[in-house]
PDB file of N, CA and C in Angstrom:
ATOM      1  N   MET A   1      39.351 -12.795   5.200  1.00  0.00           N
ATOM      2  CA  MET A   1      39.305 -12.015   6.372  1.00  0.00           C
ATOM      3  C   MET A   1      39.283 -12.985   7.678  1.00  0.00           C
ATOM      4  N   ARG A   2      40.173 -12.525   8.612  1.00  0.00           N
ATOM      5  CA  ARG A   2      40.377 -13.373   9.774  1.00  0.00           C
ATOM      6  C   ARG A   2      39.617 -12.685  10.876  1.00  0.00           C
ATOM      7  N   PHE A   3      39.207 -13.458  11.829  1.00  0.00           N
ATOM      8  CA  PHE A   3      38.405 -12.778  13.033  1.00  0.00           C
ATOM      9  C   PHE A   3      38.993 -13.514  14.355  1.00  0.00           C
ATOM     10  N   LYS A   4      39.824 -12.819  14.991  1.00  0.00           N
ATOM     11  CA  LYS A   4      40.390 -13.296  16.225  1.00  0.00           C
ATOM     12  C   LYS A   4      41.042 -14.742  16.081  1.00  0.00           C
ATOM     13  N   GLY A   5      41.782 -14.764  14.925  1.00  0.00           N
ATOM     14  CA  GLY A   5      42.624 -15.898  14.744  1.00  0.00           C
ATOM     15  C   GLY A   5      41.803 -17.147  14.092  1.00  0.00           C
ATOM     16  N   ALA A   6      40.573 -16.932  13.777  1.00  0.00           N
ATOM     17  CA  ALA A   6      39.874 -17.945  13.187  1.00  0.00           C
ATOM     18  C   ALA A   6      39.067 -17.370  12.053  1.00  0.00           C
ATOM     19  N   GLU A   7      38.600 -18.289  11.140  1.00  0.00           N
ATOM     20  CA  GLU A   7      37.940 -17.962  10.001  1.00  0.00           C
ATOM     21  C   GLU A   7      36.569 -17.282  10.413  1.00  0.00           C
ATOM     22  N   ALA A   8      36.048 -16.058   9.998  1.00  0.00           N
ATOM     23  CA  ALA A   8      34.791 -15.670  10.334  1.00  0.00           C
ATOM     24  C   ALA A   8      33.757 -16.208   9.417  1.00  0.00           C
ATOM     25  N   ASN A   9      32.622 -16.400   9.903  1.00  0.00           N
ATOM     26  CA  ASN A   9      31.486 -16.902   9.159  1.00  0.00           C
ATOM     27  C   ASN A   9      30.369 -15.883   9.209  1.00  0.00           C
ATOM     28  N   PHE A  10      30.276 -14.953   8.303  1.00  0.00           N
ATOM     29  CA  PHE A  10      29.381 -13.907   8.370  1.00  0.00           C
ATOM     30  C   PHE A  10      28.165 -14.296   7.445  1.00  0.00           C
ATOM     31  N   THR A  11      26.972 -13.880   8.020  1.00  0.00           N
ATOM     32  CA  THR A  11      25.763 -14.305   7.330  1.00  0.00           C
ATOM     33  C   THR A  11      24.896 -13.115   6.889  1.00  0.00           C
ATOM     34  N   ARG A  12      25.286 -11.930   7.263  1.00  0.00           N
ATOM     35  CA  ARG A  12      24.529 -10.686   6.806  1.00  0.00           C
ATOM     36  C   ARG A  12      25.588  -9.588   6.440  1.00  0.00           C
ATOM     37  N   LEU A  13      25.143  -8.970   5.389  1.00  0.00           N
ATOM     38  CA  LEU A  13      25.995  -7.822   4.883  1.00  0.00           C
ATOM     39  C   LEU A  13      25.099  -6.645   4.664  1.00  0.00           C
ATOM     40  N   HIS A  14      25.491  -5.479   5.308  1.00  0.00           N
ATOM     41  CA  HIS A  14      24.742  -4.088   5.159  1.00  0.00           C
ATOM     42  C   HIS A  14      25.883  -3.117   4.530  1.00  0.00           C
ATOM     43  N   ALA A  15      25.491  -2.654   3.496  1.00  0.00           N
ATOM     44  CA  ALA A  15      26.346  -1.626   2.704  1.00  0.00           C
ATOM     45  C   ALA A  15      25.716  -0.347   2.469  1.00  0.00           C
ATOM     46  N   ASN A  16      26.475   0.685   2.599  1.00  0.00           N
ATOM     47  CA  ASN A  16      26.085   1.975   2.219  1.00  0.00           C
ATOM     48  C   ASN A  16      27.033   2.504   1.184  1.00  0.00           C
ATOM     49  N   ILE A  17      26.476   3.014   0.085  1.00  0.00           N
ATOM     50  CA  ILE A  17      27.270   3.548  -0.971  1.00  0.00           C
ATOM     51  C   ILE A  17      26.937   5.044  -1.176  1.00  0.00           C
ATOM     52  N   VAL A  18      27.885   5.870  -0.915  1.00  0.00           N
ATOM     53  CA  VAL A  18      27.490   7.432  -0.837  1.00  0.00           C
ATOM     54  C   VAL A  18      28.363   8.098  -1.783  1.00  0.00           C
ATOM     55  N   GLN A  19      27.833   8.928  -2.751  1.00  0.00           N
ATOM     56  CA  GLN A  19      28.644   9.645  -3.786  1.00  0.00           C
ATOM     57  C   GLN A  19      29.063  10.899  -3.052  1.00  0.00           C
ATOM     58  N   GLU A  20      30.371  11.110  -3.174  1.00  0.00           N
ATOM     59  CA  GLU A  20      30.957  12.219  -2.482  1.00  0.00           C
ATOM     60  C   GLU A  20      32.123  12.717  -3.274  1.00  0.00           C
ATOM     61  N   ASP A  21      32.168  14.141  -3.632  1.00  0.00           N
ATOM     62  CA  ASP A  21      33.224  14.593  -4.365  1.00  0.00           C
ATOM     63  C   ASP A  21      33.699  13.864  -5.479  1.00  0.00           C
ATOM     64  N   GLY A  22      32.894  13.351  -6.250  1.00  0.00           N
ATOM     65  CA  GLY A  22      33.240  12.741  -7.607  1.00  0.00           C
ATOM     66  C   GLY A  22      33.698  11.218  -7.279  1.00  0.00           C
ATOM     67  N   ALA A  23      33.474  10.642  -6.107  1.00  0.00           N
ATOM     68  CA  ALA A  23      33.921   9.155  -5.856  1.00  0.00           C
ATOM     69  C   ALA A  23      32.811   8.698  -5.129  1.00  0.00           C
ATOM     70  N   PHE A  24      32.945   7.482  -4.693  1.00  0.00           N
ATOM     71  CA  PHE A  24      31.865   6.746  -3.999  1.00  0.00           C
ATOM     72  C   PHE A  24      32.614   6.078  -2.645  1.00  0.00           C
ATOM     73  N   THR A  25      31.947   6.341  -1.544  1.00  0.00           N
ATOM     74  CA  THR A  25      32.374   5.872  -0.301  1.00  0.00           C
ATOM     75  C   THR A  25      31.490   4.757  -0.027  1.00  0.00           C
ATOM     76  N   VAL A  26      32.157   3.480   0.196  1.00  0.00           N
ATOM     77  CA  VAL A  26      31.535   2.257   0.484  1.00  0.00           C
ATOM     78  C   VAL A  26      31.754   1.839   1.925  1.00  0.00           C
ATOM     79  N   SER A  27      30.624   1.790   2.806  1.00  0.00           N
ATOM     80  CA  SER A  27      30.809   1.550   4.179  1.00  0.00           C
ATOM     81  C   SER A  27      30.142   0.194   4.208  1.00  0.00           C
ATOM     82  N   ILE A  28      30.835  -0.893   4.949  1.00  0.00           N
ATOM     83  CA  ILE A  28      30.205  -2.189   5.102  1.00  0.00           C
ATOM     84  C   ILE A  28      30.153  -2.643   6.492  1.00  0.00           C
ATOM     85  N   ARG A  29      29.255  -3.317   6.875  1.00  0.00           N
ATOM     86  CA  ARG A  29      29.060  -3.954   8.095  1.00  0.00           C
ATOM     87  C   ARG A  29      28.689  -5.474   7.893  1.00  0.00           C
ATOM     88  N   LEU A  30      29.490  -6.317   8.369  1.00  0.00           N
ATOM     89  CA  LEU A  30      29.280  -7.776   8.239  1.00  0.00           C
ATOM     90  C   LEU A  30      29.011  -8.430   9.594  1.00  0.00           C
ATOM     91  N   HIS A  31      28.149  -9.261   9.729  1.00  0.00           N
ATOM     92  CA  HIS A  31      28.002 -10.132  10.948  1.00  0.00           C
ATOM     93  C   HIS A  31      27.288 -11.344  10.774  1.00  0.00           C
ATOM     94  N   ASN A  32      27.427 -12.148  11.797  1.00  0.00           N
ATOM     95  CA  ASN A  32      26.852 -13.538  11.826  1.00  0.00           C
ATOM     96  C   ASN A  32      25.611 -13.431  12.811  1.00  0.00           C
ATOM     97  N   HIS A  33      24.475 -13.587  12.357  1.00  0.00           N
ATOM     98  CA  HIS A  33      23.219 -13.400  13.123  1.00  0.00           C
ATOM     99  C   HIS A  33      23.147 -14.652  14.061  1.00  0.00           C
ATOM    100  N   LEU A  34      23.892 -15.733  13.894  1.00  0.00           N
ATOM    101  CA  LEU A  34      23.953 -16.738  14.905  1.00  0.00           C
ATOM    102  C   LEU A  34      24.907 -16.705  15.996  1.00  0.00           C
ATOM    103  N   ASN A  35      25.896 -15.822  15.743  1.00  0.00           N
ATOM    104  CA  ASN A  35      27.042 -15.513  16.666  1.00  0.00           C
ATOM    105  C   ASN A  35      27.426 -14.233  16.542  1.00  0.00           C
ATOM    106  N   GLU A  36      26.673 -13.243  17.524  1.00  0.00           N
ATOM    107  CA  GLU A  36      26.859 -11.799  17.346  1.00  0.00           C
ATOM    108  C   GLU A  36      28.292 -11.508  17.732  1.00  0.00           C
ATOM    109  N   THR A  37      29.301 -12.276  18.180  1.00  0.00           N
ATOM    110  CA  THR A  37      30.544 -11.832  18.406  1.00  0.00           C
ATOM    111  C   THR A  37      31.296 -11.854  17.121  1.00  0.00           C
ATOM    112  N   GLU A  38      30.773 -12.380  16.131  1.00  0.00           N
ATOM    113  CA  GLU A  38      31.545 -12.432  14.744  1.00  0.00           C
ATOM    114  C   GLU A  38      30.937 -11.296  13.916  1.00  0.00           C
ATOM    115  N   SER A  39      31.635 -10.091  13.969  1.00  0.00           N
ATOM    116  CA  SER A  39      31.323  -8.932  13.223  1.00  0.00           C
ATOM    117  C   SER A  39      32.505  -8.163  12.663  1.00  0.00           C
ATOM    118  N   ALA A  40      32.322  -7.382  11.642  1.00  0.00           N
ATOM    119  CA  ALA A  40      33.347  -6.725  11.129  1.00  0.00           C
ATOM    120  C   ALA A  40      32.798  -5.326  10.385  1.00  0.00           C
ATOM    121  N   CYS A  41      33.634  -4.330  10.253  1.00  0.00           N
ATOM    122  CA  CYS A  41      33.075  -3.247   9.463  1.00  0.00           C
ATOM    123  C   CYS A  41      34.285  -2.656   8.889  1.00  0.00           C
ATOM    124  N   GLY A  42      34.005  -1.826   7.725  1.00  0.00           N
ATOM    125  CA  GLY A  42      35.033  -1.168   7.152  1.00  0.00           C
ATOM    126  C   GLY A  42      34.582  -0.094   6.083  1.00  0.00           C
ATOM    127  N   GLU A  43      35.432   0.591   5.655  1.00  0.00           N
ATOM    128  CA  GLU A  43      35.165   1.721   4.664  1.00  0.00           C
ATOM    129  C   GLU A  43      36.238   1.821   3.708  1.00  0.00           C
ATOM    130  N   GLU A  44      35.889   1.946   2.372  1.00  0.00           N
ATOM    131  CA  GLU A  44      36.767   2.130   1.198  1.00  0.00           C
ATOM    132  C   GLU A  44      36.235   3.259   0.298  1.00  0.00           C
ATOM    133  N   VAL A  45      37.023   3.843  -0.465  1.00  0.00           N
ATOM    134  CA  VAL A  45      36.568   4.818  -1.513  1.00  0.00           C
ATOM    135  C   VAL A  45      36.841   4.243  -2.916  1.00  0.00           C
ATOM    136  N   ALA A  46      35.804   4.243  -3.607  1.00  0.00           N
ATOM    137  CA  ALA A  46      35.838   3.744  -5.011  1.00  0.00           C
ATOM    138  C   ALA A  46      35.835   4.975  -6.126  1.00  0.00           C
ATOM    139  N   PRO A  47      36.401   4.965  -7.177  1.00  0.00           N
ATOM    140  CA  PRO A  47      36.341   6.028  -8.126  1.00  0.00           C
ATOM    141  C   PRO A  47      35.151   5.983  -8.957  1.00  0.00           C
ATOM    142  N   THR A  48      34.515   4.901  -9.087  1.00  0.00           N
ATOM    143  CA  THR A  48      33.300   4.738  -9.869  1.00  0.00           C
ATOM    144  C   THR A  48      32.172   3.869  -9.224  1.00  0.00           C
ATOM    145  N   PHE A  49      31.045   4.096  -9.569  1.00  0.00           N
ATOM    146  CA  PHE A  49      29.997   3.302  -8.962  1.00  0.00           C
ATOM    147  C   PHE A  49      30.175   1.839  -9.242  1.00  0.00           C
ATOM    148  N   GLU A  50      30.537   1.412 -10.373  1.00  0.00           N
ATOM    149  CA  GLU A  50      30.750   0.075 -10.835  1.00  0.00           C
ATOM    150  C   GLU A  50      31.725  -0.598  -9.900  1.00  0.00           C
ATOM    151  N   LEU A  51      32.817   0.075  -9.618  1.00  0.00           N
ATOM    152  CA  LEU A  51      33.689  -0.501  -8.652  1.00  0.00           C
ATOM    153  C   LEU A  51      33.198  -0.537  -7.074  1.00  0.00           C
ATOM    154  N   ALA A  52      32.454   0.405  -6.780  1.00  0.00           N
ATOM    155  CA  ALA A  52      31.861   0.287  -5.542  1.00  0.00           C
ATOM    156  C   ALA A  52      30.907  -0.830  -5.358  1.00  0.00           C
ATOM    157  N   ASN A  53      30.170  -1.096  -6.481  1.00  0.00           N
ATOM    158  CA  ASN A  53      29.163  -2.262  -6.514  1.00  0.00           C
ATOM    159  C   ASN A  53      29.960  -3.576  -6.534  1.00  0.00           C
ATOM    160  N   SER A  54      31.059  -3.572  -7.267  1.00  0.00           N
ATOM    161  CA  SER A  54      31.918  -4.854  -7.265  1.00  0.00           C
ATOM    162  C   SER A  54      32.594  -5.233  -5.952  1.00  0.00           C
ATOM    163  N   MET A  55      32.815  -4.179  -5.183  1.00  0.00           N
ATOM    164  CA  MET A  55      33.346  -4.417  -3.812  1.00  0.00           C
ATOM    165  C   MET A  55      32.325  -5.066  -2.963  1.00  0.00           C
ATOM    166  N   VAL A  56      31.039  -4.624  -2.959  1.00  0.00           N
ATOM    167  CA  VAL A  56      30.063  -5.283  -2.200  1.00  0.00           C
ATOM    168  C   VAL A  56      29.824  -6.798  -2.729  1.00  0.00           C
ATOM    169  N   ASP A  57      29.796  -6.817  -4.087  1.00  0.00           N
ATOM    170  CA  ASP A  57      29.622  -8.223  -4.721  1.00  0.00           C
ATOM    171  C   ASP A  57      30.825  -9.143  -4.186  1.00  0.00           C
ATOM    172  N   ALA A  58      31.903  -8.718  -4.213  1.00  0.00           N
ATOM    173  CA  ALA A  58      33.160  -9.501  -3.869  1.00  0.00           C
ATOM    174  C   ALA A  58      33.017 -10.008  -2.451  1.00  0.00           C
ATOM    175  N   LEU A  59      32.577  -9.141  -1.499  1.00  0.00           N
ATOM    176  CA  LEU A  59      32.511  -9.463  -0.146  1.00  0.00           C
ATOM    177  C   LEU A  59      31.304 -10.547   0.008  1.00  0.00           C
ATOM    178  N   ALA A  60      30.242 -10.277  -0.688  1.00  0.00           N
ATOM    179  CA  ALA A  60      29.059 -11.267  -0.675  1.00  0.00           C
ATOM    180  C   ALA A  60      29.511 -12.689  -1.112  1.00  0.00           C
ATOM    181  N   ALA A  61      30.279 -12.587  -2.169  1.00  0.00           N
ATOM    182  CA  ALA A  61      30.693 -13.839  -2.762  1.00  0.00           C
ATOM    183  C   ALA A  61      31.682 -14.586  -1.851  1.00  0.00           C
ATOM    184  N   ARG A  62      32.662 -13.828  -1.296  1.00  0.00           N
ATOM    185  CA  ARG A  62      33.785 -14.333  -0.410  1.00  0.00           C
ATOM    186  C   ARG A  62      33.183 -14.987   0.834  1.00  0.00           C
ATOM    187  N   PHE A  63      32.078 -14.447   1.287  1.00  0.00           N
ATOM    188  CA  PHE A  63      31.473 -15.148   2.497  1.00  0.00           C
ATOM    189  C   PHE A  63      30.256 -15.828   2.216  1.00  0.00           C
ATOM    190  N   GLU A  64      29.869 -16.088   0.931  1.00  0.00           N
ATOM    191  CA  GLU A  64      28.719 -16.877   0.574  1.00  0.00           C
ATOM    192  C   GLU A  64      27.415 -16.383   1.258  1.00  0.00           C
ATOM    193  N   ILE A  65      27.273 -14.933   1.179  1.00  0.00           N
ATOM    194  CA  ILE A  65      26.072 -14.449   1.691  1.00  0.00           C
ATOM    195  C   ILE A  65      24.882 -14.366   0.673  1.00  0.00           C
ATOM    196  N   GLU A  66      23.695 -14.929   1.152  1.00  0.00           N
ATOM    197  CA  GLU A  66      22.662 -15.095   0.151  1.00  0.00           C
ATOM    198  C   GLU A  66      22.111 -13.639  -0.074  1.00  0.00           C
ATOM    199  N   GLN A  67      21.520 -13.492  -1.242  1.00  0.00           N
ATOM    200  CA  GLN A  67      21.155 -12.157  -1.829  1.00  0.00           C
ATOM    201  C   GLN A  67      20.016 -11.649  -0.782  1.00  0.00           C
ATOM    202  N   SER A  68      19.171 -12.568  -0.272  1.00  0.00           N
ATOM    203  CA  SER A  68      18.137 -12.009   0.588  1.00  0.00           C
ATOM    204  C   SER A  68      18.788 -11.412   2.009  1.00  0.00           C
ATOM    205  N   CYS A  69      19.949 -11.631   2.222  1.00  0.00           N
ATOM    206  CA  CYS A  69      20.585 -11.330   3.506  1.00  0.00           C
ATOM    207  C   CYS A  69      21.659 -10.139   3.314  1.00  0.00           C
ATOM    208  N   ILE A  70      21.352  -9.546   2.188  1.00  0.00           N
ATOM    209  CA  ILE A  70      22.259  -8.354   1.851  1.00  0.00           C
ATOM    210  C   ILE A  70      21.173  -7.068   1.706  1.00  0.00           C
ATOM    211  N   SER A  71      21.613  -6.029   2.428  1.00  0.00           N
ATOM    212  CA  SER A  71      20.850  -4.700   2.401  1.00  0.00           C
ATOM    213  C   SER A  71      21.946  -3.600   1.761  1.00  0.00           C
ATOM    214  N   ILE A  72      21.467  -2.769   0.817  1.00  0.00           N
ATOM    215  CA  ILE A  72      22.377  -1.877   0.183  1.00  0.00           C
ATOM    216  C   ILE A  72      21.565  -0.498   0.276  1.00  0.00           C
ATOM    217  N   SER A  73      22.159   0.591   0.623  1.00  0.00           N
ATOM    218  CA  SER A  73      21.609   1.907   0.775  1.00  0.00           C
ATOM    219  C   SER A  73      22.488   2.607  -0.275  1.00  0.00           C
ATOM    220  N   ILE A  74      21.990   3.334  -1.269  1.00  0.00           N
ATOM    221  CA  ILE A  74      22.686   4.165  -2.340  1.00  0.00           C
ATOM    222  C   ILE A  74      22.294   5.720  -2.186  1.00  0.00           C
ATOM    223  N   ILE A  75      23.112   6.586  -1.868  1.00  0.00           N
ATOM    224  CA  ILE A  75      22.855   7.957  -1.934  1.00  0.00           C
ATOM    225  C   ILE A  75      23.674   8.632  -3.021  1.00  0.00           C
ATOM    226  N   MET A  76      23.021   9.166  -4.028  1.00  0.00           N
ATOM    227  CA  MET A  76      23.669   9.865  -5.117  1.00  0.00           C
ATOM    228  C   MET A  76      23.235  11.242  -5.349  1.00  0.00           C
ATOM    229  N   HIS A  77      23.949  12.089  -5.990  1.00  0.00           N
ATOM    230  CA  HIS A  77      23.563  13.302  -6.358  1.00  0.00           C
ATOM    231  C   HIS A  77      22.955  13.189  -7.681  1.00  0.00           C
ATOM    232  N   SER A  78      21.830  14.057  -7.871  1.00  0.00           N
ATOM    233  CA  SER A  78      21.281  14.086  -9.225  1.00  0.00           C
ATOM    234  C   SER A  78      21.765  15.288  -9.777  1.00  0.00           C
ATOM    235  N   PHE A  79      22.600  15.298 -10.766  1.00  0.00           N
ATOM    236  CA  PHE A  79      23.119  16.671 -11.310  1.00  0.00           C
ATOM    237  C   PHE A  79      22.173  17.421 -12.143  1.00  0.00           C
ATOM    238  N   ARG A  80      21.117  16.630 -12.630  1.00  0.00           N
ATOM    239  CA  ARG A  80      19.930  17.333 -13.378  1.00  0.00           C
ATOM    240  C   ARG A  80      19.296  18.519 -12.544  1.00  0.00           C
ATOM    241  N   ASP A  81      18.773  18.015 -11.400  1.00  0.00           N
ATOM    242  CA  ASP A  81      18.004  19.004 -10.607  1.00  0.00           C
ATOM    243  C   ASP A  81      18.587  19.403  -9.273  1.00  0.00           C
ATOM    244  N   GLY A  82      19.857  19.015  -8.973  1.00  0.00           N
ATOM    245  CA  GLY A  82      20.602  19.437  -7.844  1.00  0.00           C
ATOM    246  C   GLY A  82      19.932  18.754  -6.570  1.00  0.00           C
ATOM    247  N   THR A  83      19.314  17.733  -6.618  1.00  0.00           N
ATOM    248  CA  THR A  83      18.688  17.022  -5.481  1.00  0.00           C
ATOM    249  C   THR A  83      19.452  15.768  -5.168  1.00  0.00           C
ATOM    250  N   PHE A  84      19.314  15.183  -4.011  1.00  0.00           N
ATOM    251  CA  PHE A  84      19.869  13.970  -3.554  1.00  0.00           C
ATOM    252  C   PHE A  84      18.749  12.766  -3.852  1.00  0.00           C
ATOM    253  N   HIS A  85      19.194  11.632  -4.128  1.00  0.00           N
ATOM    254  CA  HIS A  85      18.383  10.495  -4.264  1.00  0.00           C
ATOM    255  C   HIS A  85      18.963   9.374  -3.477  1.00  0.00           C
TER     256      HIS A  85
END
């Protein structure tokens, strides 16, 4: 990923994975807490939860973001009782 013609150095990753209509929408925000001008966001759809999870993992690995600097919110339907989790 390029940022304004230079390599971005992201230190934080925030991900939301939402189950919608049989697929999973993955929304990502990346930023550098030392330089707030370096930030990026995006959204992709994954057909499975495993693929959604691997998208987040790949970004964390690509930018070498430590596990303690990653936050993930997951919203899924519970088909057993018809509630959200």
